[in-house]
């Protein structure tokens, strides 16, 4: 697998890790919630993996 191929996946993983690094879940209605970083990026990563299956 080339670095160019997996760059998008690694970017999504980095965003998830940054969201988790905040620590505690701030909740869905918090002004500076970390949920979009964690859950949104995980959803996007799932879609990327569906489109780019690795055997």
N, C-alpha and C. Protein backbone atom coordinates (compact mmCIF):
# COMPACT_ATOMS: atom_id res chain seq x y z
N UNK A 1 0.84 -1.17 0.00
CA UNK A 1 0.00 0.00 0.00
C UNK A 1 0.89 1.24 0.00
N UNK A 2 0.62 2.14 -0.88
CA UNK A 2 1.44 3.34 -0.99
C UNK A 2 1.01 4.39 0.03
N UNK A 3 1.91 5.29 0.33
CA UNK A 3 1.62 6.36 1.28
C UNK A 3 0.52 7.27 0.74
N UNK A 4 0.53 7.54 -0.55
CA UNK A 4 -0.51 8.38 -1.14
C UNK A 4 -1.89 7.77 -0.97
N UNK A 5 -1.97 6.45 -1.12
CA UNK A 5 -3.24 5.75 -1.01
C UNK A 5 -3.83 5.88 0.38
N UNK A 6 -3.00 5.75 1.40
CA UNK A 6 -3.50 5.70 2.77
C UNK A 6 -3.48 7.05 3.49
N UNK A 7 -3.03 8.10 2.83
CA UNK A 7 -2.93 9.41 3.47
C UNK A 7 -4.27 9.87 4.04
N UNK A 8 -5.35 9.71 3.31
CA UNK A 8 -6.67 10.13 3.78
C UNK A 8 -7.07 9.36 5.04
N UNK A 9 -6.81 8.07 5.06
CA UNK A 9 -7.14 7.26 6.23
C UNK A 9 -6.35 7.71 7.45
N UNK A 10 -5.07 7.96 7.27
CA UNK A 10 -4.24 8.41 8.39
C UNK A 10 -4.67 9.79 8.89
N UNK A 11 -5.10 10.65 7.99
CA UNK A 11 -5.59 11.97 8.41
C UNK A 11 -6.83 11.82 9.28
N UNK A 12 -7.72 10.92 8.90
CA UNK A 12 -8.92 10.68 9.71
C UNK A 12 -8.55 10.08 11.07
N UNK A 13 -7.60 9.15 11.09
CA UNK A 13 -7.14 8.57 12.36
C UNK A 13 -6.51 9.65 13.25
N UNK A 14 -5.76 10.55 12.68
CA UNK A 14 -5.17 11.65 13.46
C UNK A 14 -6.25 12.52 14.09
N UNK A 15 -7.30 12.81 13.33
CA UNK A 15 -8.40 13.62 13.85
C UNK A 15 -9.10 12.91 15.00
N UNK A 16 -9.31 11.60 14.85
CA UNK A 16 -9.93 10.82 15.92
C UNK A 16 -9.06 10.87 17.17
N UNK A 17 -7.76 10.67 17.01
CA UNK A 17 -6.85 10.69 18.15
C UNK A 17 -6.82 12.05 18.83
N UNK A 18 -6.87 13.12 18.08
CA UNK A 18 -6.90 14.46 18.67
C UNK A 18 -8.19 14.66 19.47
N UNK A 19 -9.29 14.15 18.97
CA UNK A 19 -10.56 14.26 19.70
C UNK A 19 -10.55 13.45 20.98
N UNK A 20 -9.96 12.27 20.93
CA UNK A 20 -9.88 11.42 22.12
C UNK A 20 -8.91 12.01 23.14
N UNK A 21 -7.86 12.67 22.67
CA UNK A 21 -6.85 13.24 23.56
C UNK A 21 -7.44 14.29 24.49
N UNK A 22 -8.57 14.86 24.11
CA UNK A 22 -9.25 15.83 24.97
C UNK A 22 -9.61 15.16 26.29
N UNK A 23 -9.84 13.86 26.22
CA UNK A 23 -10.17 13.10 27.43
C UNK A 23 -11.65 12.82 27.50
N UNK A 24 -12.28 13.38 28.46
CA UNK A 24 -13.69 13.13 28.75
C UNK A 24 -14.59 13.64 27.62
N UNK A 25 -15.64 12.88 27.35
CA UNK A 25 -16.64 13.30 26.37
C UNK A 25 -17.33 14.56 26.90
N UNK A 26 -17.33 15.59 26.11
CA UNK A 26 -17.90 16.86 26.54
C UNK A 26 -19.41 16.93 26.30
N UNK A 27 -19.96 15.95 25.62
CA UNK A 27 -21.40 15.93 25.36
C UNK A 27 -21.73 16.53 24.02
N UNK A 28 -22.89 16.17 23.54
CA UNK A 28 -23.31 16.58 22.19
C UNK A 28 -23.62 18.06 22.08
N UNK A 29 -24.03 18.69 23.17
CA UNK A 29 -24.44 20.10 23.10
C UNK A 29 -23.38 21.07 23.58
N UNK A 30 -22.22 20.57 23.99
CA UNK A 30 -21.14 21.45 24.44
C UNK A 30 -20.64 22.30 23.28
N UNK A 31 -20.27 23.51 23.57
CA UNK A 31 -19.80 24.42 22.53
C UNK A 31 -18.55 23.88 21.84
N UNK A 32 -17.62 23.38 22.62
CA UNK A 32 -16.38 22.87 22.05
C UNK A 32 -16.32 21.33 22.15
N UNK A 33 -17.44 20.70 21.78
CA UNK A 33 -17.53 19.24 21.86
C UNK A 33 -16.50 18.55 20.98
N UNK A 34 -16.05 17.39 21.43
CA UNK A 34 -15.08 16.63 20.65
C UNK A 34 -15.75 15.53 19.83
N UNK A 35 -17.05 15.44 19.88
CA UNK A 35 -17.75 14.38 19.17
C UNK A 35 -17.59 14.42 17.66
N UNK A 36 -17.64 15.57 17.00
CA UNK A 36 -17.43 15.56 15.55
C UNK A 36 -16.06 15.01 15.15
N UNK A 37 -15.04 15.35 15.96
CA UNK A 37 -13.70 14.83 15.65
C UNK A 37 -13.65 13.32 15.80
N UNK A 38 -14.26 12.82 16.87
CA UNK A 38 -14.17 11.38 17.15
C UNK A 38 -15.18 10.60 16.31
N UNK A 39 -16.45 10.89 16.50
CA UNK A 39 -17.49 10.09 15.83
C UNK A 39 -17.62 10.42 14.35
N UNK A 40 -17.52 11.68 14.00
CA UNK A 40 -17.63 12.06 12.59
C UNK A 40 -16.49 11.48 11.76
N UNK A 41 -15.28 11.58 12.31
CA UNK A 41 -14.12 11.05 11.59
C UNK A 41 -14.15 9.52 11.54
N UNK A 42 -14.66 8.88 12.60
CA UNK A 42 -14.78 7.42 12.59
C UNK A 42 -15.77 6.99 11.51
N UNK A 43 -16.85 7.74 11.36
CA UNK A 43 -17.84 7.45 10.32
C UNK A 43 -17.22 7.62 8.94
N UNK A 44 -16.48 8.71 8.76
CA UNK A 44 -15.81 8.95 7.48
C UNK A 44 -14.77 7.86 7.18
N UNK A 45 -14.05 7.42 8.21
CA UNK A 45 -13.07 6.36 8.03
C UNK A 45 -13.75 5.06 7.62
N UNK A 46 -14.88 4.78 8.22
CA UNK A 46 -15.64 3.58 7.85
C UNK A 46 -16.02 3.62 6.37
N UNK A 47 -16.47 4.77 5.91
CA UNK A 47 -16.80 4.93 4.49
C UNK A 47 -15.58 4.77 3.61
N UNK A 48 -14.45 5.34 4.04
CA UNK A 48 -13.22 5.21 3.26
C UNK A 48 -12.82 3.75 3.15
N UNK A 49 -12.92 3.01 4.26
CA UNK A 49 -12.56 1.59 4.23
C UNK A 49 -13.50 0.79 3.33
N UNK A 50 -14.78 1.16 3.30
CA UNK A 50 -15.71 0.48 2.39
C UNK A 50 -15.33 0.72 0.93
N UNK A 51 -14.90 1.94 0.64
CA UNK A 51 -14.53 2.28 -0.72
C UNK A 51 -13.15 1.76 -1.12
N UNK A 52 -12.32 1.47 -0.15
CA UNK A 52 -10.94 1.05 -0.40
C UNK A 52 -10.62 -0.23 0.38
N UNK A 53 -11.28 -1.33 0.04
CA UNK A 53 -11.04 -2.56 0.80
C UNK A 53 -9.59 -3.04 0.64
N UNK A 54 -9.06 -3.49 1.74
CA UNK A 54 -7.69 -4.02 1.74
C UNK A 54 -7.76 -5.50 2.06
N UNK A 55 -7.16 -6.29 1.21
CA UNK A 55 -7.22 -7.74 1.43
C UNK A 55 -5.95 -8.24 2.04
